[in-house]
Amino acid sequence: MSIQTPAPSSNTQSAQSEEDIILSNVEVSPEQDRYATILLVCSWTGICVMAITFLLYMSGSFNPLVEPSSMPLYWSMNVHQYAQATHAPTGWAWLKLINHGDYLNLVGLAFLGIVSVLGYSSLFIEYLRKKDLPYATMVGLEILVIVLAASGVLRIAG
C-alpha cells in the first residue's frame, strides 16, 4: 500500500500564489510610495558616500589626523577616552576638520542621519497640500524632534 503525497513543487506554487493574492490586495498611498523611494535612494547614496570616503581615508589621500594603521590602538577605548587621546572634536565641530580623511568619513554618516527628515519633509508638504492637519502636525513634530536631537539641543543625561 502506498500513500501518495503532493509533490513539493505544487505546495510551493500554491503558497506562492496565496502570497501573491495577499500582496496584490495591499494598497500603498502615493505618499507612502514617495517616502519609501526617498529612503531607498538616499540610504544607498549615503552608503556609497561612506564607502568612497572610507577608501579615501584608507588610501591616505586626505591627510588623516589618525592614521588607519594606528586605529587598533584606540579600539578598546570608549568615546570619551578616544576623544581625549586623539584630541577629537565633539558635536558638530568635526565639520572644521572635513579636509582630513578620518573626518571626511563622517559626511556619509551625517547624510544618513538626515534621510528620515528628507522623507518626512515630503510627507509634511503633501499632508499640508491635502489639508490633513493631524498627519501634518504629527510629521512636523517628528521633524522637529529629529532636528533638535541632531543639533544637540535635546540630550540624554549620562
C-alpha atoms as a PDB file:
ATOM      1  CA  MET A   1       0.000   0.000   0.000  1.00  0.00           C
ATOM      2  CA  SER A   2       1.477   3.322  -0.995  1.00  0.00           C
ATOM      3  CA  ILE A   3       0.413   6.754   0.110  1.00  0.00           C
ATOM      4  CA  GLN A   4       0.796   9.457  -2.439  1.00  0.00           C
ATOM      5  CA  THR A   5       1.589  12.952  -1.311  1.00  0.00           C
ATOM      6  CA  PRO A   6       1.514  16.008  -3.487  1.00  0.00           C
ATOM      7  CA  ALA A   7       4.836  16.992  -4.970  1.00  0.00           C
ATOM      8  CA  PRO A   8       6.638  19.717  -3.016  1.00  0.00           C
ATOM      9  CA  SER A   9       6.584  21.995  -6.037  1.00  0.00           C
ATOM     10  CA  SER A  10       2.765  22.128  -6.039  1.00  0.00           C
ATOM     11  CA  ASN A  11       2.750  23.139  -2.338  1.00  0.00           C
ATOM     12  CA  THR A  12       5.324  25.771  -3.042  1.00  0.00           C
ATOM     13  CA  GLN A  13       3.317  27.037  -6.021  1.00  0.00           C
ATOM     14  CA  SER A  14       0.076  27.224  -4.033  1.00  0.00           C
ATOM     15  CA  ALA A  15       1.782  29.015  -1.147  1.00  0.00           C
ATOM     16  CA  GLN A  16       3.366  31.419  -3.617  1.00  0.00           C
ATOM     17  CA  SER A  17       0.048  32.128  -5.339  1.00  0.00           C
ATOM     18  CA  GLU A  18      -1.658  32.769  -1.965  1.00  0.00           C
ATOM     19  CA  GLU A  19       1.110  35.219  -1.083  1.00  0.00           C
ATOM     20  CA  ASP A  20       0.740  36.921  -4.477  1.00  0.00           C
ATOM     21  CA  ILE A  21      -3.008  37.302  -3.897  1.00  0.00           C
ATOM     22  CA  ILE A  22      -2.444  38.827  -0.459  1.00  0.00           C
ATOM     23  CA  LEU A  23       0.245  41.195  -1.731  1.00  0.00           C
ATOM     24  CA  SER A  24      -1.815  42.251  -4.726  1.00  0.00           C
ATOM     25  CA  ASN A  25      -4.596  43.382  -2.362  1.00  0.00           C
ATOM     26  CA  VAL A  26      -2.271  45.739  -0.446  1.00  0.00           C
ATOM     27  CA  GLU A  27      -2.717  49.347  -1.450  1.00  0.00           C
ATOM     28  CA  VAL A  28       0.052  51.846  -0.884  1.00  0.00           C
ATOM     29  CA  SER A  29      -0.712  55.544  -0.906  1.00  0.00           C
ATOM     30  CA  PRO A  30       1.347  57.826  -3.150  1.00  0.00           C
ATOM     31  CA  GLU A  31       2.769  59.484  -0.016  1.00  0.00           C
ATOM     32  CA  GLN A  32       3.985  56.136   1.340  1.00  0.00           C
ATOM     33  CA  ASP A  33       5.465  55.232  -2.016  1.00  0.00           C
ATOM     34  CA  ARG A  34       7.312  58.574  -2.295  1.00  0.00           C
ATOM     35  CA  TYR A  35       8.572  58.274   1.306  1.00  0.00           C
ATOM     36  CA  ALA A  36       9.863  54.743   0.670  1.00  0.00           C
ATOM     37  CA  THR A  37      11.539  55.827  -2.572  1.00  0.00           C
ATOM     38  CA  ILE A  38      13.270  58.739  -0.834  1.00  0.00           C
ATOM     39  CA  LEU A  39      14.507  56.434   1.929  1.00  0.00           C
ATOM     40  CA  LEU A  40      15.741  53.858  -0.580  1.00  0.00           C
ATOM     41  CA  VAL A  41      17.596  56.280  -2.846  1.00  0.00           C
ATOM     42  CA  CYS A  42      19.056  58.387  -0.037  1.00  0.00           C
ATOM     43  CA  SER A  43      20.115  55.359   2.022  1.00  0.00           C
ATOM     44  CA  TRP A  44      22.024  53.843  -0.884  1.00  0.00           C
ATOM     45  CA  THR A  45      23.525  57.241  -1.675  1.00  0.00           C
ATOM     46  CA  GLY A  46      24.741  57.561   1.914  1.00  0.00           C
ATOM     47  CA  ILE A  47      26.172  54.046   1.885  1.00  0.00           C
ATOM     48  CA  CYS A  48      28.036  54.777  -1.374  1.00  0.00           C
ATOM     49  CA  VAL A  49      29.401  58.038   0.044  1.00  0.00           C
ATOM     50  CA  MET A  50      30.560  56.162   3.156  1.00  0.00           C
ATOM     51  CA  ALA A  51      32.300  53.505   1.031  1.00  0.00           C
ATOM     52  CA  ILE A  52      34.063  56.109  -1.130  1.00  0.00           C
ATOM     53  CA  THR A  53      35.183  58.251   1.805  1.00  0.00           C
ATOM     54  CA  PHE A  54      36.384  55.151   3.662  1.00  0.00           C
ATOM     55  CA  LEU A  55      38.522  54.184   0.674  1.00  0.00           C
ATOM     56  CA  LEU A  56      39.889  57.740   0.534  1.00  0.00           C
ATOM     57  CA  TYR A  57      40.709  57.520   4.257  1.00  0.00           C
ATOM     58  CA  MET A  58      42.431  54.173   3.887  1.00  0.00           C
ATOM     59  CA  SER A  59      44.463  55.450   0.929  1.00  0.00           C
ATOM     60  CA  GLY A  60      45.733  58.392   2.957  1.00  0.00           C
ATOM     61  CA  SER A  61      44.610  60.812   0.229  1.00  0.00           C
ATOM     62  CA  PHE A  62      43.243  63.419   2.616  1.00  0.00           C
ATOM     63  CA  ASN A  63      45.960  63.526   5.310  1.00  0.00           C
ATOM     64  CA  PRO A  64      44.106  61.860   8.204  1.00  0.00           C
ATOM     65  CA  LEU A  65      44.689  63.079  11.744  1.00  0.00           C
ATOM     66  CA  VAL A  66      44.556  59.475  12.980  1.00  0.00           C
ATOM     67  CA  GLU A  67      46.319  57.123  10.587  1.00  0.00           C
ATOM     68  CA  PRO A  68      44.448  53.919   9.708  1.00  0.00           C
ATOM     69  CA  SER A  69      47.429  51.877  10.906  1.00  0.00           C
ATOM     70  CA  SER A  70      47.150  53.372  14.413  1.00  0.00           C
ATOM     71  CA  MET A  71      43.390  52.790  14.781  1.00  0.00           C
ATOM     72  CA  PRO A  72      43.851  49.420  16.588  1.00  0.00           C
ATOM     73  CA  LEU A  73      45.420  51.370  19.463  1.00  0.00           C
ATOM     74  CA  TYR A  74      42.065  53.054  20.090  1.00  0.00           C
ATOM     75  CA  TRP A  75      39.630  50.154  19.558  1.00  0.00           C
ATOM     76  CA  SER A  76      39.349  49.281  23.237  1.00  0.00           C
ATOM     77  CA  MET A  77      38.625  52.884  24.286  1.00  0.00           C
ATOM     78  CA  ASN A  78      35.217  54.369  24.891  1.00  0.00           C
ATOM     79  CA  VAL A  79      34.304  57.568  23.073  1.00  0.00           C
ATOM     80  CA  HIS A  80      35.471  59.858  25.880  1.00  0.00           C
ATOM     81  CA  GLN A  81      38.864  58.152  26.123  1.00  0.00           C
ATOM     82  CA  TYR A  82      39.238  58.245  22.331  1.00  0.00           C
ATOM     83  CA  ALA A  83      38.386  61.955  22.189  1.00  0.00           C
ATOM     84  CA  GLN A  84      40.965  62.681  24.887  1.00  0.00           C
ATOM     85  CA  ALA A  85      43.707  60.559  23.323  1.00  0.00           C
ATOM     86  CA  THR A  86      43.242  61.915  19.781  1.00  0.00           C
ATOM     87  CA  HIS A  87      42.046  65.431  20.652  1.00  0.00           C
ATOM     88  CA  ALA A  88      38.937  64.697  18.597  1.00  0.00           C
ATOM     89  CA  PRO A  89      36.288  67.412  18.487  1.00  0.00           C
ATOM     90  CA  THR A  90      32.827  66.843  19.924  1.00  0.00           C
ATOM     91  CA  GLY A  91      29.444  67.714  18.494  1.00  0.00           C
ATOM     92  CA  TRP A  92      29.424  69.341  15.067  1.00  0.00           C
ATOM     93  CA  ALA A  93      32.991  70.676  15.440  1.00  0.00           C
ATOM     94  CA  TRP A  94      34.177  67.805  13.206  1.00  0.00           C
ATOM     95  CA  LEU A  95      32.986  69.835  10.207  1.00  0.00           C
ATOM     96  CA  LYS A  96      36.038  72.113  10.620  1.00  0.00           C
ATOM     97  CA  LEU A  97      38.248  69.065  10.030  1.00  0.00           C
ATOM     98  CA  ILE A  98      36.470  67.755   6.930  1.00  0.00           C
ATOM     99  CA  ASN A  99      39.643  68.201   4.879  1.00  0.00           C
ATOM    100  CA  HIS A 100      41.156  65.237   6.773  1.00  0.00           C
ATOM    101  CA  GLY A 101      40.315  61.708   5.648  1.00  0.00           C
ATOM    102  CA  ASP A 102      39.161  60.450   9.026  1.00  0.00           C
ATOM    103  CA  TYR A 103      36.629  63.290   9.350  1.00  0.00           C
ATOM    104  CA  LEU A 104      35.625  63.182   5.685  1.00  0.00           C
ATOM    105  CA  ASN A 105      34.344  59.697   6.585  1.00  0.00           C
ATOM    106  CA  LEU A 106      31.618  61.286   8.695  1.00  0.00           C
ATOM    107  CA  VAL A 107      29.933  63.014   5.736  1.00  0.00           C
ATOM    108  CA  GLY A 108      28.117  59.848   4.637  1.00  0.00           C
ATOM    109  CA  LEU A 109      27.124  59.064   8.201  1.00  0.00           C
ATOM    110  CA  ALA A 110      25.761  62.581   8.748  1.00  0.00           C
ATOM    111  CA  PHE A 111      23.855  62.308   5.464  1.00  0.00           C
ATOM    112  CA  LEU A 112      22.264  59.045   6.618  1.00  0.00           C
ATOM    113  CA  GLY A 113      21.167  60.903   9.738  1.00  0.00           C
ATOM    114  CA  ILE A 114      19.071  63.343   7.682  1.00  0.00           C
ATOM    115  CA  VAL A 115      17.498  60.755   5.374  1.00  0.00           C
ATOM    116  CA  SER A 116      14.424  60.345   7.565  1.00  0.00           C
ATOM    117  CA  VAL A 117      13.998  64.136   7.736  1.00  0.00           C
ATOM    118  CA  LEU A 118      14.036  64.294   3.933  1.00  0.00           C
ATOM    119  CA  GLY A 119      11.361  61.596   3.766  1.00  0.00           C
ATOM    120  CA  TYR A 120       9.256  63.213   6.487  1.00  0.00           C
ATOM    121  CA  SER A 121       9.552  66.586   4.738  1.00  0.00           C
ATOM    122  CA  SER A 122       7.946  65.149   1.610  1.00  0.00           C
ATOM    123  CA  LEU A 123       5.123  63.742   3.757  1.00  0.00           C
ATOM    124  CA  PHE A 124       4.727  67.053   5.594  1.00  0.00           C
ATOM    125  CA  ILE A 125       4.382  69.008   2.347  1.00  0.00           C
ATOM    126  CA  GLU A 126       1.892  66.517   0.937  1.00  0.00           C
ATOM    127  CA  TYR A 127      -0.240  66.480   4.103  1.00  0.00           C
ATOM    128  CA  LEU A 128      -0.299  70.278   4.159  1.00  0.00           C
ATOM    129  CA  ARG A 129      -1.311  70.300   0.490  1.00  0.00           C
ATOM    130  CA  LYS A 130      -4.188  67.906   1.315  1.00  0.00           C
ATOM    131  CA  LYS A 131      -5.062  69.957   4.434  1.00  0.00           C
ATOM    132  CA  ASP A 132      -4.654  66.832   6.541  1.00  0.00           C
ATOM    133  CA  LEU A 133      -3.714  68.700   9.721  1.00  0.00           C
ATOM    134  CA  PRO A 134      -3.494  65.753  12.156  1.00  0.00           C
ATOM    135  CA  TYR A 135      -0.928  63.948   9.976  1.00  0.00           C
ATOM    136  CA  ALA A 136       0.887  67.184   9.086  1.00  0.00           C
ATOM    137  CA  THR A 137       1.174  68.004  12.792  1.00  0.00           C
ATOM    138  CA  MET A 138       2.434  64.531  13.664  1.00  0.00           C
ATOM    139  CA  VAL A 139       5.045  64.550  10.888  1.00  0.00           C
ATOM    140  CA  GLY A 140       6.044  68.132  11.704  1.00  0.00           C
ATOM    141  CA  LEU A 141       6.669  67.154  15.315  1.00  0.00           C
ATOM    142  CA  GLU A 142       8.774  64.177  14.164  1.00  0.00           C
ATOM    143  CA  ILE A 143      10.910  66.510  12.049  1.00  0.00           C
ATOM    144  CA  LEU A 144      11.259  68.926  14.959  1.00  0.00           C
ATOM    145  CA  VAL A 145      12.377  66.211  17.398  1.00  0.00           C
ATOM    146  CA  ILE A 146      14.937  64.780  14.963  1.00  0.00           C
ATOM    147  CA  VAL A 147      16.380  68.218  14.121  1.00  0.00           C
ATOM    148  CA  LEU A 148      16.551  69.251  17.776  1.00  0.00           C
ATOM    149  CA  ALA A 149      18.228  65.984  18.743  1.00  0.00           C
ATOM    150  CA  ALA A 150      20.769  66.275  15.909  1.00  0.00           C
ATOM    151  CA  SER A 151      21.532  69.878  16.799  1.00  0.00           C
ATOM    152  CA  GLY A 152      22.407  68.911  20.367  1.00  0.00           C
ATOM    153  CA  VAL A 153      19.508  70.807  21.937  1.00  0.00           C
ATOM    154  CA  LEU A 154      17.885  67.569  23.156  1.00  0.00           C
ATOM    155  CA  ARG A 155      20.343  65.499  25.174  1.00  0.00           C
ATOM    156  CA  ILE A 156      20.122  62.427  27.340  1.00  0.00           C
ATOM    157  CA  ALA A 157      21.950  62.811  30.626  1.00  0.00           C
ATOM    158  CA  GLY A 158      24.645  60.273  31.107  1.00  0.00           C
END
